[in-house]
């Protein structure tokens, strides 16, 4: 089957516990992910969603795998752009691997669809979000470009 995928690997000078918390905790995500936050019970089979700063639901899915401080896999469907919503569910995987004084973070976002508009769109957003996450954990400050939700995002 054809597929589209985005892969990003970075190294963050932090602990797996701190990085894991920064990926999931609304207190952190609001700082580096445009004011958005996630809601979930964070266990396999639980629903998951990202909310925009105005309270609208941006994306939804379900937790597939949950291995704290190591691996998270969830399904992901865009809810506010019709052309992305119609593609259905993609899959997001976070993998964390301790590497001395840093953590190797691998982000894989994929869908079983050739030429996915969703993967194209998220591929534009992920690098800035992940760079801002890294900056937040290493310096205490996210990048300015990711502090607020951009209209049309």
C-alpha atoms as a PDB file:
ATOM      1  CA  UNK A   1       0.000   0.000   0.000  1.00  0.00           C
ATOM      2  CA  UNK A   2       1.202   3.521  -0.779  1.00  0.00           C
ATOM      3  CA  UNK A   3       2.001   5.760   2.134  1.00  0.00           C
ATOM      4  CA  UNK A   4       3.156   9.203   3.107  1.00  0.00           C
ATOM      5  CA  UNK A   5       5.429   9.779   6.056  1.00  0.00           C
ATOM      6  CA  UNK A   6       7.308  12.429   7.948  1.00  0.00           C
ATOM      7  CA  UNK A   7      10.273  11.471  10.127  1.00  0.00           C
ATOM      8  CA  UNK A   8      12.124  13.866  12.411  1.00  0.00           C
ATOM      9  CA  UNK A   9      14.977  13.033  14.779  1.00  0.00           C
ATOM     10  CA  UNK A  10      16.430  15.459  17.298  1.00  0.00           C
ATOM     11  CA  UNK A  11      18.480  15.282  20.465  1.00  0.00           C
ATOM     12  CA  UNK A  12      17.306  17.208  23.511  1.00  0.00           C
ATOM     13  CA  UNK A  13      19.516  17.876  26.524  1.00  0.00           C
ATOM     14  CA  UNK A  14      17.065  16.667  29.155  1.00  0.00           C
ATOM     15  CA  UNK A  15      15.818  13.474  30.785  1.00  0.00           C
ATOM     16  CA  UNK A  16      13.257  11.079  29.290  1.00  0.00           C
ATOM     17  CA  UNK A  17      10.882  11.973  32.135  1.00  0.00           C
ATOM     18  CA  UNK A  18      11.037  15.716  31.454  1.00  0.00           C
ATOM     19  CA  UNK A  19      10.695  15.261  27.697  1.00  0.00           C
ATOM     20  CA  UNK A  20       7.738  12.901  28.136  1.00  0.00           C
ATOM     21  CA  UNK A  21       6.002  15.422  30.392  1.00  0.00           C
ATOM     22  CA  UNK A  22       6.673  18.224  27.900  1.00  0.00           C
ATOM     23  CA  UNK A  23       5.099  16.167  25.101  1.00  0.00           C
ATOM     24  CA  UNK A  24       1.862  15.488  27.009  1.00  0.00           C
ATOM     25  CA  UNK A  25       1.291  18.075  29.742  1.00  0.00           C
ATOM     26  CA  UNK A  26      -0.940  21.039  28.760  1.00  0.00           C
ATOM     27  CA  UNK A  27       1.238  23.368  30.869  1.00  0.00           C
ATOM     28  CA  UNK A  28       4.103  22.641  28.481  1.00  0.00           C
ATOM     29  CA  UNK A  29       2.341  22.202  25.141  1.00  0.00           C
ATOM     30  CA  UNK A  30       0.627  25.579  25.412  1.00  0.00           C
ATOM     31  CA  UNK A  31       4.084  27.196  25.554  1.00  0.00           C
ATOM     32  CA  UNK A  32       5.645  25.679  22.423  1.00  0.00           C
ATOM     33  CA  UNK A  33       2.658  24.464  20.364  1.00  0.00           C
ATOM     34  CA  UNK A  34       0.785  27.684  19.608  1.00  0.00           C
ATOM     35  CA  UNK A  35      -1.291  27.736  22.770  1.00  0.00           C
ATOM     36  CA  UNK A  36      -2.819  24.316  22.069  1.00  0.00           C
ATOM     37  CA  UNK A  37      -3.171  21.483  24.539  1.00  0.00           C
ATOM     38  CA  UNK A  38      -3.997  17.798  24.473  1.00  0.00           C
ATOM     39  CA  UNK A  39      -6.602  15.869  26.421  1.00  0.00           C
ATOM     40  CA  UNK A  40      -6.496  12.125  27.034  1.00  0.00           C
ATOM     41  CA  UNK A  41      -6.492   9.526  29.791  1.00  0.00           C
ATOM     42  CA  UNK A  42      -3.131   8.452  28.307  1.00  0.00           C
ATOM     43  CA  UNK A  43      -3.680   4.709  28.164  1.00  0.00           C
ATOM     44  CA  UNK A  44      -4.213   2.303  25.251  1.00  0.00           C
ATOM     45  CA  UNK A  45      -7.723   2.615  23.823  1.00  0.00           C
ATOM     46  CA  UNK A  46      -8.314   6.089  25.305  1.00  0.00           C
ATOM     47  CA  UNK A  47      -9.475   8.926  23.098  1.00  0.00           C
ATOM     48  CA  UNK A  48      -7.077  11.784  22.404  1.00  0.00           C
ATOM     49  CA  UNK A  49      -7.549  15.297  21.086  1.00  0.00           C
ATOM     50  CA  UNK A  50      -5.747  18.602  20.573  1.00  0.00           C
ATOM     51  CA  UNK A  51      -7.661  21.777  21.353  1.00  0.00           C
ATOM     52  CA  UNK A  52      -7.015  25.173  19.782  1.00  0.00           C
ATOM     53  CA  UNK A  53      -6.615  28.245  22.007  1.00  0.00           C
ATOM     54  CA  UNK A  54     -10.264  29.196  21.315  1.00  0.00           C
ATOM     55  CA  UNK A  55     -11.461  25.749  22.489  1.00  0.00           C
ATOM     56  CA  UNK A  56     -12.193  24.251  19.061  1.00  0.00           C
ATOM     57  CA  UNK A  57     -11.025  20.687  18.496  1.00  0.00           C
ATOM     58  CA  UNK A  58      -8.102  20.604  16.069  1.00  0.00           C
ATOM     59  CA  UNK A  59      -7.310  16.889  15.884  1.00  0.00           C
ATOM     60  CA  UNK A  60      -8.646  13.669  17.376  1.00  0.00           C
ATOM     61  CA  UNK A  61      -7.591  10.057  17.662  1.00  0.00           C
ATOM     62  CA  UNK A  62      -6.987   7.144  19.967  1.00  0.00           C
ATOM     63  CA  UNK A  63      -4.005   6.007  22.009  1.00  0.00           C
ATOM     64  CA  UNK A  64      -2.598   2.809  20.459  1.00  0.00           C
ATOM     65  CA  UNK A  65       0.536   2.272  22.581  1.00  0.00           C
ATOM     66  CA  UNK A  66       1.585   3.972  25.796  1.00  0.00           C
ATOM     67  CA  UNK A  67       4.976   3.120  27.299  1.00  0.00           C
ATOM     68  CA  UNK A  68       5.857   6.064  29.605  1.00  0.00           C
ATOM     69  CA  UNK A  69       9.165   7.816  28.916  1.00  0.00           C
ATOM     70  CA  UNK A  70       9.789   5.530  25.905  1.00  0.00           C
ATOM     71  CA  UNK A  71       7.062   5.291  23.271  1.00  0.00           C
ATOM     72  CA  UNK A  72       3.649   6.703  22.411  1.00  0.00           C
ATOM     73  CA  UNK A  73       1.622   5.743  19.342  1.00  0.00           C
ATOM     74  CA  UNK A  74      -1.730   7.322  18.529  1.00  0.00           C
ATOM     75  CA  UNK A  75      -4.086   7.739  15.624  1.00  0.00           C
ATOM     76  CA  UNK A  76      -4.562  11.321  14.375  1.00  0.00           C
ATOM     77  CA  UNK A  77      -7.303  12.909  12.289  1.00  0.00           C
ATOM     78  CA  UNK A  78      -7.606  16.594  11.505  1.00  0.00           C
ATOM     79  CA  UNK A  79     -11.007  18.001  12.494  1.00  0.00           C
ATOM     80  CA  UNK A  80     -11.032  21.580  11.201  1.00  0.00           C
ATOM     81  CA  UNK A  81      -9.821  21.453   7.591  1.00  0.00           C
ATOM     82  CA  UNK A  82     -12.209  19.435   5.371  1.00  0.00           C
ATOM     83  CA  UNK A  83      -9.540  18.486   2.825  1.00  0.00           C
ATOM     84  CA  UNK A  84      -7.379  17.020   5.616  1.00  0.00           C
ATOM     85  CA  UNK A  85     -10.265  15.475   7.557  1.00  0.00           C
ATOM     86  CA  UNK A  86     -11.386  13.463   4.528  1.00  0.00           C
ATOM     87  CA  UNK A  87      -8.061  11.599   4.462  1.00  0.00           C
ATOM     88  CA  UNK A  88      -9.021   9.833   7.685  1.00  0.00           C
ATOM     89  CA  UNK A  89      -6.690   8.710  10.432  1.00  0.00           C
ATOM     90  CA  UNK A  90      -2.922   8.931  10.303  1.00  0.00           C
ATOM     91  CA  UNK A  91      -0.541   7.501  12.895  1.00  0.00           C
ATOM     92  CA  UNK A  92       1.858   9.451  15.117  1.00  0.00           C
ATOM     93  CA  UNK A  93       4.725   7.770  16.966  1.00  0.00           C
ATOM     94  CA  UNK A  94       7.015   9.366  19.530  1.00  0.00           C
ATOM     95  CA  UNK A  95      10.085   7.330  20.512  1.00  0.00           C
ATOM     96  CA  UNK A  96      12.418   8.478  23.292  1.00  0.00           C
ATOM     97  CA  UNK A  97      15.854   6.951  23.785  1.00  0.00           C
ATOM     98  CA  UNK A  98      18.320   8.093  26.483  1.00  0.00           C
ATOM     99  CA  UNK A  99      21.702   9.066  24.984  1.00  0.00           C
ATOM    100  CA  UNK A 100      24.050  10.189  27.771  1.00  0.00           C
ATOM    101  CA  UNK A 101      23.015  13.681  28.875  1.00  0.00           C
ATOM    102  CA  UNK A 102      20.376  13.893  26.126  1.00  0.00           C
ATOM    103  CA  UNK A 103      17.346  12.090  24.798  1.00  0.00           C
ATOM    104  CA  UNK A 104      16.995  11.069  21.167  1.00  0.00           C
ATOM    105  CA  UNK A 105      13.450  11.968  20.119  1.00  0.00           C
ATOM    106  CA  UNK A 106      12.109  10.390  16.940  1.00  0.00           C
ATOM    107  CA  UNK A 107       8.769  11.594  15.587  1.00  0.00           C
ATOM    108  CA  UNK A 108       7.115   9.533  12.866  1.00  0.00           C
ATOM    109  CA  UNK A 109       3.849  10.788  11.361  1.00  0.00           C
ATOM    110  CA  UNK A 110       2.463   8.549   8.619  1.00  0.00           C
ATOM    111  CA  UNK A 111      -0.648   7.553   6.717  1.00  0.00           C
ATOM    112  CA  UNK A 112      -1.430   4.714   4.318  1.00  0.00           C
ATOM    113  CA  UNK A 113      -2.090   7.118   1.468  1.00  0.00           C
ATOM    114  CA  UNK A 114       0.190   8.343  -1.286  1.00  0.00           C
ATOM    115  CA  UNK A 115       0.571  12.125  -1.549  1.00  0.00           C
ATOM    116  CA  UNK A 116      -1.215  12.906   1.725  1.00  0.00           C
ATOM    117  CA  UNK A 117      -2.153  16.549   2.212  1.00  0.00           C
ATOM    118  CA  UNK A 118      -2.235  15.926   5.973  1.00  0.00           C
ATOM    119  CA  UNK A 119       1.359  14.685   6.072  1.00  0.00           C
ATOM    120  CA  UNK A 120       2.401  17.555   3.811  1.00  0.00           C
ATOM    121  CA  UNK A 121       0.758  20.039   6.201  1.00  0.00           C
ATOM    122  CA  UNK A 122       2.115  18.476   9.393  1.00  0.00           C
ATOM    123  CA  UNK A 123       5.577  18.224   7.819  1.00  0.00           C
ATOM    124  CA  UNK A 124       5.563  22.015   7.629  1.00  0.00           C
ATOM    125  CA  UNK A 125       4.566  22.378  11.288  1.00  0.00           C
ATOM    126  CA  UNK A 126       6.535  19.664  13.075  1.00  0.00           C
ATOM    127  CA  UNK A 127      10.063  21.121  12.634  1.00  0.00           C
ATOM    128  CA  UNK A 128       9.151  24.444  14.270  1.00  0.00           C
ATOM    129  CA  UNK A 129       7.149  22.778  17.055  1.00  0.00           C
ATOM    130  CA  UNK A 130       9.940  20.322  17.862  1.00  0.00           C
ATOM    131  CA  UNK A 131      12.641  23.009  17.702  1.00  0.00           C
ATOM    132  CA  UNK A 132      10.577  25.108  20.108  1.00  0.00           C
ATOM    133  CA  UNK A 133      10.107  22.110  22.432  1.00  0.00           C
ATOM    134  CA  UNK A 134      13.882  21.574  22.421  1.00  0.00           C
ATOM    135  CA  UNK A 135      14.481  25.263  23.127  1.00  0.00           C
ATOM    136  CA  UNK A 136      11.964  25.274  25.978  1.00  0.00           C
ATOM    137  CA  UNK A 137      13.550  22.295  27.697  1.00  0.00           C
ATOM    138  CA  UNK A 138      17.140  23.435  27.188  1.00  0.00           C
ATOM    139  CA  UNK A 139      16.809  27.177  27.819  1.00  0.00           C
ATOM    140  CA  UNK A 140      13.457  27.645  29.548  1.00  0.00           C
ATOM    141  CA  UNK A 141      12.062  29.619  26.590  1.00  0.00           C
ATOM    142  CA  UNK A 142      10.147  28.389  23.504  1.00  0.00           C
ATOM    143  CA  UNK A 143      10.695  29.980  20.101  1.00  0.00           C
ATOM    144  CA  UNK A 144       8.598  33.105  19.541  1.00  0.00           C
ATOM    145  CA  UNK A 145       7.197  31.714  16.276  1.00  0.00           C
ATOM    146  CA  UNK A 146       5.360  28.896  18.083  1.00  0.00           C
ATOM    147  CA  UNK A 147       3.984  30.732  21.107  1.00  0.00           C
ATOM    148  CA  UNK A 148       0.679  31.712  19.467  1.00  0.00           C
ATOM    149  CA  UNK A 149      -1.675  29.932  17.122  1.00  0.00           C
ATOM    150  CA  UNK A 150      -1.412  31.319  13.604  1.00  0.00           C
ATOM    151  CA  UNK A 151      -4.714  31.867  11.796  1.00  0.00           C
ATOM    152  CA  UNK A 152      -4.947  29.531   8.836  1.00  0.00           C
ATOM    153  CA  UNK A 153      -2.677  26.939  10.465  1.00  0.00           C
END
